Amino acid sequence: MSSAAVEGVARPLVSSASMANAHGGQGVRVVCRLRPMNEWEKKAGTVPAAQASTERKEVAVVRMLGGGTRQVRSTFHFDDVLTSFSTQNEVFSSTLEPLIGEVLSGFEATAFAYGQTGTGKTYTMEGNLDSDEGRGMVPRAADAVFRALAGPDYLDHTVTVSYLEIYNEELCDLLAAPHMHQKLDLKDVGSGRGVCCMGLSEVKVNCVDDILKLVSLAQERRRVAETRVNARSSRSHSIFTMKVRCRRTVYGCSGELENVGKLHLVDLAGSENAKKASQSFMDENGMLPVQPSSVRGMGQQHGAGDEERERRSINQSLLTLGRVISALRDGSIRVPYRDSKLTRLLQDALGGRCKTVIIATISPALGAVEETISTLTYAEQACGIKNRPVASSLFRTVRQANNADGSTGVSGGDYAELELKAAYLAQEVEEAQAALARQYREAQEHAAAAAAAEARLCEAEAELARSRREAEEQTYARQRLAAYAENQNLDANSLAAAFDASTLHGEDLVRRLASRCAEAA
């Protein structure tokens, strides 16, 4: 057999799963993790207010109202629930492990931890790098990717990682050397491919140890500080991205499939209550807590003004994230992705092209019950978000040389035609869906306009009826007044005639009396 000629046609490759969900999309998977009581809470005798059940996949939260005289119980349901007894490996199995194969198939996948500060988000995502049992999602995902790429199906691969920090709405490259920092900016890639960070470095890695070193480096540079709620509170959002480019053999035909997948692991800064997070007030026993240490990334010092500015920036970006989730759940026409850099970067993860899992982390403490309910409410809303994942793949066909009998092997031209047809049909489906969406929106607008016009018509008819009634009442009143005036006029004429007759009769009597007086004289 002679040397093979390789031909390729680049196109989005939609998997059977995504084609099956072409109309409804694929739902965002939401998992809730309840952390155990920490040592400080145990010593303080903190009352637990949240309970979780793995079997029923529900979280129950109890609030105390009326000065502790009344209890209100709220129940939330999710795709999966992890309790304080769940291990890091169980968390990985429930959240990220199903997505590793999807990333190697060319899909983008995103997992992010969401919750109040001090609920274990960073521990969930990064964990303890020095402990096999305590490792978080980042090292476990890296290990799973490299173990899969070591299989016989993969011909070669390239893995790169990047680490982005969002601090006070400023972008920072956690893997770039301090003297090589350049301004980062978000740009829309176009063609529906989402948003990318221009200038962000990508570091090639060959094994899990390489990634662990980079994660340790990022941990040193990331902004953290001590608060009352958390000894190492993240003061920024971080996004770890692993880009996997791999090539594998396609069995059953002479071809190779080159996939480019991405895994985004997002550790959000926690929402904070200024009073609860501050170090400057007495605890329950009247003792001042330890003063905050200046644990800062990038060699910066920490001050009271910085802490307040950070808190406002964190809460504002998380509030925008909550508005995005609510808008997607309600089917709003405008989704406020552009209101913060965090939501711009998560645009594909929420309602876009990614396969997404959200890990809502909560505290069991009664003192954090309001924040816990807020986190669970937003997480439950996210269960209704639909994404439309699309794989990025390149299929290369291998054309075989002529056999001895003059016949040929599998034709590369046939595969190219199939590629073009598949791409055409995929584009047609996308355009048809867009057209249907436009028609639906137009129909909704027409229906709304018709309803408004009908309402205005009803108001006009009611106003016309009122005007008619008023006109009829006024006409009737005028008629009655005219009749009364006519009757009064007739009565006046009669009285005038009677008065004239009386006057004449009086004059006649005067004449007669004068005549008789003259005769008598």
Protein backbone atom coordinates (compact mmCIF):
# COMPACT_ATOMS: atom_id res chain seq x y z
CA MET A 1 0.00 0.00 0.00
CA SER A 2 1.42 3.38 -1.00
CA SER A 3 1.69 6.39 1.26
CA ALA A 4 -1.65 7.88 2.18
CA ALA A 5 -2.84 11.31 1.08
CA VAL A 6 -4.59 13.27 3.81
CA GLU A 7 -7.46 15.64 3.11
CA GLY A 8 -9.45 17.60 5.71
CA VAL A 9 -12.55 19.72 5.89
CA ALA A 10 -12.91 21.86 9.02
CA ARG A 11 -16.46 22.12 10.35
CA PRO A 12 -18.41 22.01 13.60
CA LEU A 13 -19.20 18.38 14.35
CA VAL A 14 -22.49 17.95 16.21
CA SER A 15 -22.72 14.78 18.27
CA SER A 16 -25.74 12.52 18.31
CA ALA A 17 -26.55 13.72 21.81
CA SER A 18 -26.56 17.35 20.78
CA MET A 19 -28.54 16.53 17.63
CA ALA A 20 -31.09 14.76 19.78
CA ASN A 21 -31.37 17.91 21.85
CA ALA A 22 -31.31 20.26 18.87
CA HIS A 23 -34.74 21.63 19.68
CA GLY A 24 -34.77 21.57 23.45
CA GLY A 25 -31.06 21.91 24.18
CA GLN A 26 -29.20 20.33 27.07
CA GLY A 27 -29.95 21.43 30.59
CA VAL A 28 -27.34 22.86 32.92
CA ARG A 29 -26.56 20.31 35.62
CA VAL A 30 -26.72 21.72 39.16
CA VAL A 31 -25.18 19.99 42.17
CA CYS A 32 -25.36 21.24 45.75
CA ARG A 33 -22.57 20.58 48.28
CA LEU A 34 -23.12 21.10 51.99
CA ARG A 35 -19.84 21.55 53.85
CA PRO A 36 -19.37 20.17 57.38
CA MET A 37 -19.16 22.35 60.46
CA ASN A 38 -15.68 23.80 60.89
CA GLU A 39 -13.76 23.81 64.15
CA TRP A 40 -14.67 27.41 64.98
CA GLU A 41 -18.38 26.67 64.54
CA LYS A 42 -18.15 23.52 66.64
CA LYS A 43 -16.42 25.35 69.50
CA ALA A 44 -18.92 28.21 69.33
CA GLY A 45 -21.85 25.74 69.48
CA THR A 46 -23.29 26.98 66.18
CA VAL A 47 -26.84 25.79 65.51
CA PRO A 48 -27.17 23.90 62.18
CA ALA A 49 -29.92 25.20 59.90
CA ALA A 50 -29.36 23.21 56.67
CA GLN A 51 -29.78 19.49 56.08
CA ALA A 52 -29.01 17.56 52.90
CA SER A 53 -30.17 14.18 51.59
CA THR A 54 -28.21 12.43 48.86
CA GLU A 55 -30.94 9.86 48.24
CA ARG A 56 -33.78 12.38 47.87
CA LYS A 57 -31.47 14.92 46.18
CA GLU A 58 -32.85 17.73 48.29
CA VAL A 59 -31.64 20.37 50.73
CA ALA A 60 -33.84 21.58 53.57
CA VAL A 61 -33.18 24.92 55.29
CA VAL A 62 -34.87 26.11 58.49
CA ARG A 63 -35.22 29.80 59.33
CA MET A 64 -36.10 31.17 62.76
CA LEU A 65 -38.73 33.92 62.72
CA GLY A 66 -40.51 35.91 65.37
CA GLY A 67 -37.53 36.01 67.70
CA GLY A 68 -37.05 32.26 67.51
CA THR A 69 -40.68 31.39 68.27
CA ARG A 70 -41.52 30.20 64.76
CA GLN A 71 -39.65 28.03 62.24
CA VAL A 72 -40.03 28.16 58.47
CA ARG A 73 -38.73 25.22 56.45
CA SER A 74 -37.73 25.58 52.77
CA THR A 75 -36.84 22.62 50.53
CA PHE A 76 -34.75 22.76 47.33
CA HIS A 77 -34.17 19.98 44.78
CA PHE A 78 -31.16 19.52 42.47
CA ASP A 79 -29.66 17.03 40.03
CA ASP A 80 -27.47 15.74 42.84
CA VAL A 81 -26.77 16.62 46.46
CA LEU A 82 -23.48 16.06 48.28
CA THR A 83 -23.43 16.09 52.05
CA SER A 84 -20.69 16.75 54.59
CA PHE A 85 -19.75 13.07 54.33
CA SER A 86 -19.06 13.27 50.56
CA THR A 87 -15.41 12.93 49.57
CA GLN A 88 -13.57 14.95 46.95
CA ASN A 89 -13.59 11.89 44.69
CA GLU A 90 -17.39 11.60 45.01
CA VAL A 91 -17.74 15.27 44.13
CA PHE A 92 -15.58 14.72 41.03
CA SER A 93 -17.54 11.61 40.02
CA SER A 94 -20.84 13.47 40.29
CA THR A 95 -19.77 16.64 38.48
CA LEU A 96 -16.72 16.58 36.23
CA GLU A 97 -16.00 12.95 35.45
CA PRO A 98 -18.88 12.65 32.91
CA LEU A 99 -17.56 15.73 31.10
CA ILE A 100 -13.99 14.50 30.53
CA GLY A 101 -15.00 12.31 27.59
CA GLU A 102 -17.01 15.20 26.14
CA VAL A 103 -13.95 17.48 26.25
CA LEU A 104 -11.88 14.84 24.43
CA SER A 105 -14.68 14.67 21.83
CA GLY A 106 -14.24 18.36 21.04
CA PHE A 107 -16.84 19.97 23.31
CA GLU A 108 -16.34 22.86 25.69
CA ALA A 109 -17.28 22.13 29.29
CA THR A 110 -17.54 24.48 32.24
CA ALA A 111 -17.84 23.83 35.96
CA PHE A 112 -18.05 26.61 38.48
CA ALA A 113 -18.52 26.78 42.23
CA TYR A 114 -21.05 29.33 43.47
CA GLY A 115 -21.84 30.30 47.04
CA GLN A 116 -21.16 32.46 50.08
CA THR A 117 -17.59 33.04 51.18
CA GLY A 118 -16.26 30.33 53.46
CA THR A 119 -18.46 27.53 52.06
CA GLY A 120 -15.65 25.56 50.38
CA LYS A 121 -15.60 26.75 46.77
CA THR A 122 -11.82 26.92 46.45
CA TYR A 123 -11.46 23.66 48.34
CA THR A 124 -13.90 22.05 45.92
CA MET A 125 -12.12 23.37 42.82
CA GLU A 126 -8.47 23.13 43.91
CA GLY A 127 -8.45 21.30 47.23
CA ASN A 128 -5.27 20.22 49.00
CA LEU A 129 -2.66 19.63 46.30
CA ASP A 130 -0.40 17.73 48.70
CA SER A 131 -3.02 15.08 49.51
CA ASP A 132 -4.38 12.49 47.11
CA GLU A 133 -7.71 12.37 48.95
CA GLY A 134 -7.94 16.14 49.36
CA ARG A 135 -7.24 17.10 45.75
CA GLY A 136 -9.98 19.14 44.12
CA MET A 137 -11.58 19.23 40.69
CA VAL A 138 -8.63 20.83 38.86
CA PRO A 139 -5.98 18.15 39.62
CA ARG A 140 -8.52 15.30 39.32
CA ALA A 141 -9.72 16.54 35.94
CA ALA A 142 -6.14 16.89 34.73
CA ASP A 143 -5.37 13.35 35.86
CA ALA A 144 -8.45 11.97 34.12
CA VAL A 145 -7.59 13.77 30.86
CA PHE A 146 -4.01 12.51 30.74
CA ARG A 147 -5.05 8.95 31.64
CA ALA A 148 -7.58 8.97 28.81
CA LEU A 149 -5.07 10.41 26.32
CA ALA A 150 -2.66 7.59 27.19
CA GLY A 151 -5.10 5.10 25.62
CA PRO A 152 -4.36 3.34 22.31
CA ASP A 153 -7.09 5.21 20.41
CA TYR A 154 -5.24 8.53 20.52
CA LEU A 155 -2.42 9.08 18.03
CA ASP A 156 -1.09 12.33 19.54
CA HIS A 157 -2.24 15.23 21.67
CA THR A 158 -1.35 18.70 22.92
CA VAL A 159 -2.55 20.11 26.24
CA THR A 160 -2.23 23.76 27.25
CA VAL A 161 -3.53 25.57 30.32
CA SER A 162 -4.27 29.19 31.21
CA TYR A 163 -5.25 30.81 34.49
CA LEU A 164 -7.23 34.07 34.48
CA GLU A 165 -8.10 36.24 37.47
CA ILE A 166 -10.86 38.88 37.61
CA TYR A 167 -10.06 41.34 40.40
CA ASN A 168 -12.17 44.49 40.77
CA GLU A 169 -13.27 44.06 37.12
CA GLU A 170 -9.62 43.97 36.03
CA LEU A 171 -8.20 40.96 34.16
CA CYS A 172 -4.91 39.43 35.29
CA ASP A 173 -2.84 36.52 33.93
CA LEU A 174 -1.85 34.34 36.90
CA LEU A 175 0.69 32.33 34.87
CA ALA A 176 2.58 35.25 33.34
CA ALA A 177 5.79 36.44 34.95
CA PRO A 178 5.34 39.70 36.94
CA HIS A 179 7.58 41.66 34.55
CA MET A 180 5.75 40.31 31.47
CA HIS A 181 2.20 41.32 32.36
CA GLN A 182 0.33 42.88 29.48
CA LYS A 183 -3.13 44.42 29.30
CA LEU A 184 -5.80 41.78 28.77
CA ASP A 185 -9.04 42.47 26.95
CA LEU A 186 -12.20 40.54 26.12
CA LYS A 187 -13.13 40.21 22.45
CA ASP A 188 -16.06 38.59 20.71
CA VAL A 189 -14.59 35.91 18.47
CA GLY A 190 -17.55 35.99 16.08
CA SER A 191 -19.38 33.23 14.21
CA GLY A 192 -21.09 32.30 17.47
CA ARG A 193 -17.82 31.14 19.04
CA GLY A 194 -18.17 33.22 22.19
CA VAL A 195 -15.72 35.52 23.98
CA CYS A 196 -11.96 35.11 24.34
CA CYS A 197 -9.38 36.92 26.44
CA MET A 198 -6.80 38.57 24.18
CA GLY A 199 -3.24 38.43 25.51
CA LEU A 200 -3.82 35.58 27.99
CA SER A 201 -0.87 33.19 28.01
CA GLU A 202 -1.23 29.46 27.36
CA VAL A 203 1.34 27.12 28.90
CA LYS A 204 1.95 23.70 27.38
CA VAL A 205 1.87 20.84 29.89
CA ASN A 206 2.87 17.20 29.53
CA CYS A 207 1.65 15.62 32.78
CA VAL A 208 -0.37 16.19 35.93
CA ASP A 209 2.68 17.38 37.88
CA ASP A 210 3.14 20.24 35.42
CA ILE A 211 -0.43 21.36 36.10
CA LEU A 212 -0.02 21.06 39.87
CA LYS A 213 3.02 23.34 39.73
CA LEU A 214 1.07 25.92 37.74
CA VAL A 215 -1.89 25.72 40.14
CA SER A 216 0.47 26.26 43.08
CA LEU A 217 1.98 29.26 41.31
CA ALA A 218 -1.50 30.69 40.65
CA GLN A 219 -2.46 30.17 44.28
CA GLU A 220 0.52 32.27 45.38
CA ARG A 221 -0.38 35.09 43.00
CA ARG A 222 -4.13 35.13 43.47
CA ARG A 223 -5.61 37.79 45.76
CA VAL A 224 -6.73 36.38 49.09
CA ALA A 225 -7.24 37.88 52.55
CA GLU A 226 -8.39 36.84 56.01
CA THR A 227 -11.91 37.73 57.06
CA ARG A 228 -14.02 36.73 60.01
CA VAL A 229 -15.84 34.15 57.91
CA ASN A 230 -12.82 32.68 56.10
CA ALA A 231 -9.11 32.55 56.95
CA ARG A 232 -8.17 32.60 53.24
CA SER A 233 -11.00 34.36 51.47
CA SER A 234 -10.63 34.70 47.70
CA ARG A 235 -10.88 38.36 46.74
CA SER A 236 -11.23 37.61 43.03
CA HIS A 237 -12.76 35.20 40.53
CA SER A 238 -10.42 32.74 38.83
CA ILE A 239 -10.89 30.72 35.65
CA PHE A 240 -8.63 27.73 34.97
CA THR A 241 -8.82 26.57 31.34
CA MET A 242 -7.41 23.35 29.96
CA LYS A 243 -7.32 23.19 26.16
CA VAL A 244 -6.97 19.69 24.72
CA ARG A 245 -6.13 19.10 21.07
CA CYS A 246 -6.05 15.38 20.25
CA ARG A 247 -6.07 13.13 17.19
CA ARG A 248 -7.51 9.63 17.17
CA THR A 249 -8.32 6.90 14.70
CA VAL A 250 -11.92 6.49 13.49
CA TYR A 251 -12.71 2.79 13.28
CA GLY A 252 -14.76 1.46 10.38
CA CYS A 253 -13.34 3.89 7.82
CA SER A 254 -10.00 5.23 6.72
CA GLY A 255 -9.87 8.48 8.60
CA GLU A 256 -8.71 10.41 11.61
CA LEU A 257 -10.65 12.76 13.85
CA GLU A 258 -8.92 15.78 15.33
CA ASN A 259 -10.79 17.30 18.27
CA VAL A 260 -10.22 20.54 20.12
CA GLY A 261 -11.96 20.63 23.48
CA LYS A 262 -11.77 22.98 26.43
CA LEU A 263 -12.46 22.55 30.11
CA HIS A 264 -13.11 25.72 32.13
CA LEU A 265 -13.03 25.42 35.91
CA VAL A 266 -14.25 28.59 37.61
CA ASP A 267 -13.70 29.43 41.27
CA LEU A 268 -15.94 32.38 42.08
CA ALA A 269 -15.26 34.73 44.93
CA GLY A 270 -17.92 34.32 47.60
CA SER A 271 -20.75 36.73 48.22
CA GLU A 272 -20.22 38.65 51.45
CA ASN A 273 -22.21 40.43 54.08
CA ALA A 274 -20.10 43.41 55.19
CA LYS A 275 -20.95 43.01 58.86
CA LYS A 276 -20.39 39.24 58.96
CA ALA A 277 -17.17 39.30 56.95
CA SER A 278 -15.58 42.26 58.74
CA GLN A 279 -12.84 41.73 61.29
CA SER A 280 -13.66 44.89 63.22
CA PHE A 281 -16.49 43.79 65.53
CA MET A 282 -16.82 41.64 68.63
CA ASP A 283 -17.71 37.96 68.44
CA GLU A 284 -20.48 36.25 70.42
CA ASN A 285 -18.26 36.03 73.53
CA GLY A 286 -17.30 39.71 73.36
CA MET A 287 -13.76 38.92 72.22
CA LEU A 288 -12.19 40.59 69.22
CA PRO A 289 -11.17 38.10 66.52
CA VAL A 290 -7.67 37.94 65.17
CA GLN A 291 -6.65 40.95 63.14
CA PRO A 292 -6.53 40.39 59.39
CA SER A 293 -3.24 39.33 57.92
CA SER A 294 -1.85 40.89 54.77
CA VAL A 295 -2.10 37.70 52.72
CA ARG A 296 -2.29 39.22 49.25
CA GLY A 297 -1.43 38.03 45.79
CA MET A 298 0.94 39.86 43.47
CA GLY A 299 2.76 41.36 46.46
CA GLN A 300 0.00 43.81 47.36
CA GLN A 301 -0.90 45.01 50.84
CA HIS A 302 -4.39 44.95 52.25
CA GLY A 303 -6.28 47.89 53.71
CA ALA A 304 -9.80 48.66 54.92
CA GLY A 305 -10.58 50.65 51.77
CA ASP A 306 -9.34 47.80 49.57
CA GLU A 307 -11.51 45.31 51.44
CA GLU A 308 -14.67 47.38 51.00
CA ARG A 309 -13.95 48.01 47.32
CA GLU A 310 -13.30 44.30 46.77
CA ARG A 311 -16.50 43.35 48.56
CA ARG A 312 -18.58 45.72 46.46
CA SER A 313 -16.99 44.49 43.23
CA ILE A 314 -17.52 40.84 44.18
CA ASN A 315 -21.13 41.33 45.20
CA GLN A 316 -21.89 43.40 42.11
CA SER A 317 -20.51 40.78 39.70
CA LEU A 318 -22.36 37.99 41.55
CA LEU A 319 -25.54 40.07 41.47
CA THR A 320 -25.13 40.38 37.70
CA LEU A 321 -24.60 36.62 37.48
CA GLY A 322 -27.86 36.15 39.40
CA ARG A 323 -29.66 38.47 36.98
CA VAL A 324 -28.30 36.48 34.04
CA ILE A 325 -29.57 33.23 35.57
CA SER A 326 -32.99 34.78 36.24
CA ALA A 327 -33.24 36.22 32.73
CA LEU A 328 -32.35 32.87 31.14
CA ARG A 329 -34.82 31.03 33.36
CA ASP A 330 -37.60 33.52 32.51
CA GLY A 331 -36.80 33.47 28.78
CA SER A 332 -36.11 37.21 28.64
CA ILE A 333 -35.14 38.73 25.31
CA ARG A 334 -32.24 40.66 26.86
CA VAL A 335 -29.77 38.77 29.02
CA PRO A 336 -27.30 41.13 30.80
CA TYR A 337 -24.11 39.25 29.87
CA ARG A 338 -22.22 42.49 29.14
CA ASP A 339 -22.90 44.04 32.55
CA SER A 340 -19.76 42.41 34.00
CA LYS A 341 -16.63 40.70 32.73
CA LEU A 342 -17.45 37.55 34.67
CA THR A 343 -20.80 37.07 32.93
CA ARG A 344 -19.23 37.84 29.54
CA LEU A 345 -16.75 35.03 30.07
CA LEU A 346 -19.53 32.70 31.30
CA GLN A 347 -21.81 33.49 28.34
CA ASP A 348 -21.14 30.17 26.63
CA ALA A 349 -21.56 28.33 29.93
CA LEU A 350 -25.02 29.80 30.57
CA GLY A 351 -27.28 29.43 27.56
CA GLY A 352 -24.43 28.92 25.06
CA ARG A 353 -22.27 26.19 23.51
CA CYS A 354 -20.84 24.60 26.67
CA LYS A 355 -21.78 21.59 28.71
CA THR A 356 -22.09 23.11 32.15
CA VAL A 357 -22.26 21.95 35.74
CA ILE A 358 -22.81 24.33 38.66
CA ILE A 359 -21.66 23.37 42.15
CA ALA A 360 -23.59 25.38 44.74
CA THR A 361 -21.68 25.35 48.03
CA ILE A 362 -23.50 26.19 51.26
CA SER A 363 -22.82 26.41 55.00
CA PRO A 364 -24.89 24.52 57.57
CA ALA A 365 -24.70 27.36 60.12
CA LEU A 366 -27.82 29.21 61.25
CA GLY A 367 -25.94 32.53 61.09
CA ALA A 368 -25.55 32.13 57.31
CA VAL A 369 -29.12 31.00 56.62
CA GLU A 370 -30.10 34.04 54.53
CA GLU A 371 -27.03 33.67 52.28
CA THR A 372 -27.69 29.91 52.06
CA ILE A 373 -31.26 30.45 50.87
CA SER A 374 -30.11 33.05 48.34
CA THR A 375 -27.50 30.64 46.94
CA LEU A 376 -30.00 27.76 46.75
CA THR A 377 -32.62 29.95 45.07
CA TYR A 378 -30.27 31.03 42.28
CA ALA A 379 -28.96 27.47 41.91
CA GLU A 380 -32.49 26.07 41.61
CA GLN A 381 -33.29 28.69 38.96
CA ALA A 382 -30.22 27.59 36.99
CA CYS A 383 -31.72 24.09 36.68
CA GLY A 384 -34.01 25.45 33.96
CA ILE A 385 -31.25 26.89 31.74
CA LYS A 386 -30.77 25.15 28.38
CA ASN A 387 -27.45 25.08 26.49
CA ARG A 388 -26.74 23.90 22.94
CA PRO A 389 -23.33 22.22 23.02
CA VAL A 390 -21.37 22.01 19.75
CA ALA A 391 -18.14 20.10 19.20
CA SER A 392 -15.17 21.55 17.35
CA SER A 393 -13.64 18.79 15.23
CA LEU A 394 -11.75 18.21 12.02
CA PHE A 395 -12.29 14.93 10.15
CA ARG A 396 -9.37 13.88 7.95
CA THR A 397 -10.06 11.26 5.32
CA VAL A 398 -7.29 8.95 4.11
CA ARG A 399 -7.42 8.00 0.45
CA GLN A 400 -5.92 4.59 -0.29
CA ALA A 401 -3.86 3.75 -3.40
CA ASN A 402 -5.29 1.52 -6.18
CA ASN A 403 -5.30 -2.21 -5.45
CA ALA A 404 -3.76 -4.77 -7.79
CA ASP A 405 -7.11 -5.55 -9.45
CA GLY A 406 -7.61 -1.89 -10.33
CA SER A 407 -10.33 -1.30 -7.74
CA THR A 408 -10.02 1.55 -5.26
CA GLY A 409 -10.49 1.73 -1.50
CA VAL A 410 -12.77 4.17 0.32
CA SER A 411 -13.00 7.36 -1.69
CA GLY A 412 -11.93 10.52 0.01
CA GLY A 413 -14.22 12.44 -2.34
CA ASP A 414 -17.24 10.57 -0.94
CA TYR A 415 -16.25 11.57 2.58
CA ALA A 416 -15.73 15.15 1.48
CA GLU A 417 -19.22 15.19 -0.05
CA LEU A 418 -20.69 13.75 3.13
CA GLU A 419 -18.81 16.36 5.12
CA LEU A 420 -20.24 19.15 2.98
CA LYS A 421 -23.76 17.72 3.16
CA ALA A 422 -23.56 17.30 6.91
CA ALA A 423 -22.25 20.83 7.33
CA TYR A 424 -24.98 22.14 5.02
CA LEU A 425 -27.72 20.29 6.93
CA ALA A 426 -26.34 21.45 10.29
CA GLN A 427 -26.33 25.03 9.02
CA GLU A 428 -29.84 24.61 7.66
CA VAL A 429 -31.06 23.33 11.02
CA GLU A 430 -29.42 26.26 12.78
CA GLU A 431 -30.91 28.77 10.34
CA ALA A 432 -34.34 27.12 10.60
CA GLN A 433 -34.21 27.34 14.37
CA ALA A 434 -33.18 30.98 14.15
CA ALA A 435 -36.01 31.68 11.67
CA LEU A 436 -38.53 29.94 13.91
CA ALA A 437 -37.26 31.93 16.87
CA ARG A 438 -37.65 35.16 14.90
CA GLN A 439 -41.14 34.18 13.75
CA TYR A 440 -42.08 33.28 17.29
CA ARG A 441 -40.83 36.62 18.57
CA GLU A 442 -42.69 38.44 15.78
CA ALA A 443 -45.86 36.50 16.53
CA GLN A 444 -45.49 37.38 20.21
CA GLU A 445 -44.98 41.02 19.30
CA HIS A 446 -48.01 40.99 16.97
CA ALA A 447 -50.09 39.29 19.63
CA ALA A 448 -48.99 41.86 22.17
CA ALA A 449 -49.74 44.70 19.74
CA ALA A 450 -53.17 43.20 18.95
CA ALA A 451 -53.93 42.83 22.64
CA ALA A 452 -52.88 46.44 23.24
CA ALA A 453 -54.99 47.64 20.29
CA GLU A 454 -57.97 45.64 21.54
CA ALA A 455 -57.52 47.14 24.98
CA ARG A 456 -57.39 50.63 23.48
CA LEU A 457 -60.53 49.84 21.41
CA CYS A 458 -62.37 48.68 24.52
CA GLU A 459 -61.35 51.86 26.31
CA ALA A 460 -62.50 53.96 23.32
CA GLU A 461 -65.87 52.14 23.15
CA ALA A 462 -66.37 52.60 26.88
CA GLU A 463 -65.49 56.30 26.55
CA LEU A 464 -67.90 56.63 23.60
CA ALA A 465 -70.67 54.95 25.60
CA ARG A 466 -70.05 57.34 28.48
CA SER A 467 -70.11 60.30 26.11
CA ARG A 468 -73.37 59.09 24.57
CA ARG A 469 -74.98 58.68 27.96
CA GLU A 470 -73.85 62.15 28.98
CA ALA A 471 -75.14 63.61 25.70
CA GLU A 472 -78.50 61.86 26.11
CA GLU A 473 -78.76 63.04 29.69
CA GLN A 474 -77.93 66.59 28.66
CA THR A 475 -80.48 66.49 25.79
CA TYR A 476 -83.17 65.15 28.13
CA ALA A 477 -82.36 67.83 30.66
CA ARG A 478 -82.53 70.56 28.00
CA GLN A 479 -85.87 69.23 26.75
CA ARG A 480 -87.33 69.15 30.25
CA LEU A 481 -86.02 72.64 30.91
CA ALA A 482 -87.54 73.93 27.65
CA ALA A 483 -90.91 72.36 28.47
CA TYR A 484 -90.83 73.85 31.94
CA ALA A 485 -89.92 77.27 30.51
CA GLU A 486 -92.78 77.04 27.99
CA ASN A 487 -95.26 76.13 30.73
CA GLN A 488 -94.00 79.02 32.82
CA ASN A 489 -94.41 81.33 29.82
CA LEU A 490 -97.99 80.21 29.28
CA ASP A 491 -98.74 80.72 32.97
CA ALA A 492 -97.20 84.19 32.79
CA ASN A 493 -99.28 85.09 29.72
CA SER A 494 -102.44 83.91 31.49
CA LEU A 495 -101.61 85.98 34.53
CA ALA A 496 -100.91 89.03 32.35
CA ALA A 497 -104.28 88.66 30.57
CA ALA A 498 -106.07 88.29 33.89
CA PHE A 499 -104.27 91.38 35.21
CA ASP A 500 -105.28 93.39 32.14
CA ALA A 501 -108.90 92.30 32.53
CA SER A 502 -108.86 93.24 36.21
CA THR A 503 -107.42 96.64 35.34
CA LEU A 504 -110.16 97.31 32.80
CA HIS A 505 -112.86 96.15 35.23
CA GLY A 506 -111.45 98.46 37.91
CA GLU A 507 -111.43 101.44 35.56
CA ASP A 508 -115.07 100.69 34.61
CA LEU A 509 -116.07 100.56 38.28
CA VAL A 510 -114.35 103.92 38.91
CA ARG A 511 -116.29 105.52 36.06
CA ARG A 512 -119.59 104.16 37.31
CA LEU A 513 -118.92 105.36 40.84
CA ALA A 514 -118.02 108.81 39.61
CA SER A 515 -121.19 108.97 37.55
CA ARG A 516 -123.42 108.02 40.49
CA CYS A 517 -121.75 110.56 42.74
CA ALA A 518 -122.42 113.27 40.19
CA GLU A 519 -126.08 112.32 39.89
CA ALA A 520 -126.50 112.38 43.65
CA ALA A 521 -125.07 115.86 43.92
